[in-house]
N, C-alpha and C. Protein backbone atom coordinates (compact mmCIF):
# COMPACT_ATOMS: atom_id res chain seq x y z
N MET A 1 57.51 -135.93 -119.58
CA MET A 1 56.11 -136.23 -119.38
C MET A 1 55.94 -137.74 -119.40
N ARG A 2 55.27 -138.26 -118.37
CA ARG A 2 55.02 -139.70 -118.31
C ARG A 2 53.52 -139.96 -118.24
N TRP A 3 53.14 -141.07 -118.83
CA TRP A 3 51.76 -141.52 -118.83
C TRP A 3 51.70 -142.85 -118.10
N LEU A 4 50.69 -143.02 -117.25
CA LEU A 4 50.56 -144.21 -116.42
C LEU A 4 49.23 -144.91 -116.67
N GLY A 5 49.27 -146.24 -116.71
CA GLY A 5 48.04 -147.01 -116.84
C GLY A 5 47.34 -147.13 -115.50
N ALA A 6 46.05 -147.46 -115.54
CA ALA A 6 45.27 -147.57 -114.31
C ALA A 6 45.84 -148.63 -113.36
N GLY A 7 46.30 -149.75 -113.91
CA GLY A 7 46.88 -150.79 -113.07
C GLY A 7 48.13 -150.32 -112.36
N ASP A 8 48.96 -149.57 -113.08
CA ASP A 8 50.19 -149.03 -112.48
C ASP A 8 49.85 -148.05 -111.36
N ILE A 9 48.88 -147.18 -111.62
CA ILE A 9 48.48 -146.19 -110.62
C ILE A 9 47.94 -146.89 -109.37
N ALA A 10 47.10 -147.89 -109.58
CA ALA A 10 46.52 -148.62 -108.45
C ALA A 10 47.62 -149.27 -107.60
N ARG A 11 48.59 -149.89 -108.24
CA ARG A 11 49.69 -150.53 -107.49
C ARG A 11 50.57 -149.51 -106.78
N LEU A 12 50.94 -148.45 -107.47
CA LEU A 12 51.84 -147.45 -106.89
C LEU A 12 51.22 -146.74 -105.69
N TRP A 13 49.93 -146.48 -105.75
CA TRP A 13 49.27 -145.70 -104.71
C TRP A 13 48.47 -146.55 -103.74
N GLY A 14 48.39 -147.87 -103.99
CA GLY A 14 47.66 -148.75 -103.08
C GLY A 14 46.17 -148.50 -103.05
N ILE A 15 45.59 -148.22 -104.22
CA ILE A 15 44.15 -147.99 -104.29
C ILE A 15 43.54 -148.97 -105.29
N ALA A 16 42.23 -149.15 -105.22
CA ALA A 16 41.53 -150.04 -106.13
C ALA A 16 41.50 -149.44 -107.54
N PRO A 17 41.58 -150.28 -108.57
CA PRO A 17 41.51 -149.76 -109.94
C PRO A 17 40.26 -148.92 -110.19
N GLY A 18 39.14 -149.30 -109.59
CA GLY A 18 37.92 -148.52 -109.76
C GLY A 18 38.07 -147.10 -109.23
N SER A 19 38.87 -146.94 -108.19
CA SER A 19 39.13 -145.60 -107.65
C SER A 19 39.94 -144.76 -108.61
N VAL A 20 40.82 -145.41 -109.36
CA VAL A 20 41.61 -144.69 -110.36
C VAL A 20 40.67 -144.07 -111.39
N TYR A 21 39.74 -144.87 -111.90
CA TYR A 21 38.80 -144.37 -112.91
C TYR A 21 37.91 -143.27 -112.34
N ARG A 22 37.50 -143.42 -111.08
CA ARG A 22 36.66 -142.40 -110.45
C ARG A 22 37.41 -141.08 -110.32
N HIS A 23 38.65 -141.14 -109.81
CA HIS A 23 39.45 -139.92 -109.69
C HIS A 23 39.67 -139.27 -111.05
N ALA A 24 39.98 -140.09 -112.05
CA ALA A 24 40.24 -139.56 -113.40
C ALA A 24 39.01 -138.83 -113.93
N SER A 25 37.85 -139.42 -113.72
CA SER A 25 36.62 -138.82 -114.20
C SER A 25 36.27 -137.55 -113.44
N GLU A 26 36.33 -137.61 -112.12
CA GLU A 26 35.95 -136.47 -111.28
C GLU A 26 36.91 -135.30 -111.42
N ARG A 27 38.19 -135.58 -111.59
CA ARG A 27 39.20 -134.52 -111.61
C ARG A 27 39.64 -134.12 -113.02
N GLY A 28 39.11 -134.80 -114.04
CA GLY A 28 39.41 -134.43 -115.42
C GLY A 28 40.85 -134.67 -115.82
N TRP A 29 41.41 -135.82 -115.41
CA TRP A 29 42.79 -136.12 -115.77
C TRP A 29 42.96 -136.17 -117.28
N ARG A 30 44.10 -135.69 -117.75
CA ARG A 30 44.43 -135.81 -119.17
C ARG A 30 44.63 -137.28 -119.51
N ARG A 31 44.10 -137.67 -120.67
CA ARG A 31 44.14 -139.07 -121.08
C ARG A 31 44.83 -139.22 -122.43
N LEU A 32 45.47 -140.36 -122.58
CA LEU A 32 46.07 -140.76 -123.85
C LEU A 32 45.60 -142.18 -124.13
N SER A 33 44.96 -142.39 -125.27
CA SER A 33 44.51 -143.73 -125.64
C SER A 33 45.42 -144.28 -126.71
N ARG A 34 45.87 -145.51 -126.48
CA ARG A 34 46.79 -146.14 -127.42
C ARG A 34 46.52 -147.65 -127.41
N SER A 35 46.26 -148.20 -128.57
CA SER A 35 46.01 -149.65 -128.72
C SER A 35 44.95 -150.16 -127.76
N GLY A 36 43.88 -149.39 -127.60
CA GLY A 36 42.78 -149.81 -126.75
C GLY A 36 43.00 -149.64 -125.26
N ARG A 37 44.12 -149.07 -124.88
CA ARG A 37 44.42 -148.84 -123.46
C ARG A 37 44.43 -147.34 -123.19
N THR A 38 44.06 -146.98 -121.97
CA THR A 38 44.05 -145.57 -121.58
C THR A 38 45.15 -145.32 -120.57
N TYR A 39 45.86 -144.23 -120.78
CA TYR A 39 46.94 -143.83 -119.88
C TYR A 39 46.62 -142.43 -119.37
N TYR A 40 47.07 -142.15 -118.15
CA TYR A 40 46.78 -140.88 -117.50
C TYR A 40 48.07 -140.11 -117.25
N HIS A 41 47.98 -138.80 -117.37
CA HIS A 41 49.14 -137.92 -117.21
C HIS A 41 49.62 -137.96 -115.76
N GLU A 42 50.90 -138.22 -115.59
CA GLU A 42 51.48 -138.39 -114.25
C GLU A 42 51.23 -137.19 -113.34
N ALA A 43 51.33 -135.98 -113.87
CA ALA A 43 51.16 -134.78 -113.04
C ALA A 43 49.74 -134.70 -112.47
N ASP A 44 48.74 -135.09 -113.27
CA ASP A 44 47.36 -135.07 -112.79
C ASP A 44 47.16 -136.11 -111.68
N VAL A 45 47.75 -137.28 -111.89
CA VAL A 45 47.66 -138.35 -110.89
C VAL A 45 48.29 -137.89 -109.58
N GLN A 46 49.49 -137.35 -109.66
CA GLN A 46 50.18 -136.91 -108.44
C GLN A 46 49.43 -135.81 -107.73
N GLU A 47 48.94 -134.83 -108.48
CA GLU A 47 48.22 -133.72 -107.85
C GLU A 47 47.02 -134.23 -107.05
N THR A 48 46.27 -135.14 -107.64
CA THR A 48 45.08 -135.67 -106.97
C THR A 48 45.44 -136.55 -105.78
N LEU A 49 46.34 -137.49 -105.99
CA LEU A 49 46.59 -138.49 -104.96
C LEU A 49 47.50 -137.99 -103.86
N GLU A 50 48.37 -137.03 -104.15
CA GLU A 50 49.17 -136.43 -103.08
C GLU A 50 48.27 -135.64 -102.14
N SER A 51 47.27 -134.96 -102.69
CA SER A 51 46.37 -134.19 -101.83
C SER A 51 45.50 -135.12 -100.99
N ARG A 52 45.26 -136.33 -101.50
CA ARG A 52 44.46 -137.32 -100.77
C ARG A 52 45.24 -137.93 -99.62
N THR A 53 46.52 -138.23 -99.86
CA THR A 53 47.31 -138.93 -98.86
C THR A 53 48.34 -138.05 -98.17
N GLY A 54 48.73 -136.96 -98.82
CA GLY A 54 49.76 -136.10 -98.27
C GLY A 54 51.17 -136.58 -98.55
N THR A 55 51.30 -137.69 -99.27
CA THR A 55 52.61 -138.27 -99.54
C THR A 55 52.70 -138.72 -100.98
N ALA A 56 53.79 -138.37 -101.64
CA ALA A 56 54.02 -138.84 -103.01
C ALA A 56 54.58 -140.24 -102.98
N LYS A 57 54.08 -141.10 -103.87
CA LYS A 57 54.60 -142.46 -103.93
C LYS A 57 55.19 -142.77 -105.30
N THR A 58 55.09 -141.84 -106.26
CA THR A 58 55.66 -142.08 -107.58
C THR A 58 56.94 -141.29 -107.73
N GLY A 59 57.68 -141.65 -108.78
CA GLY A 59 58.82 -140.89 -109.22
C GLY A 59 59.98 -140.85 -108.38
């Protein structure tokens, strides 16, 4: 199980950081908060963004 930060997700998928937060909120991504930072479950990210683009860019 991997957790990804919003900046990492934005870079890997070529989307704006604001879009990461919007997808996370709308799709109910699992979150992990640590030291004031929020990380998102990789499987949730992939499920959402693969369906958006049709292509996986992580892993």
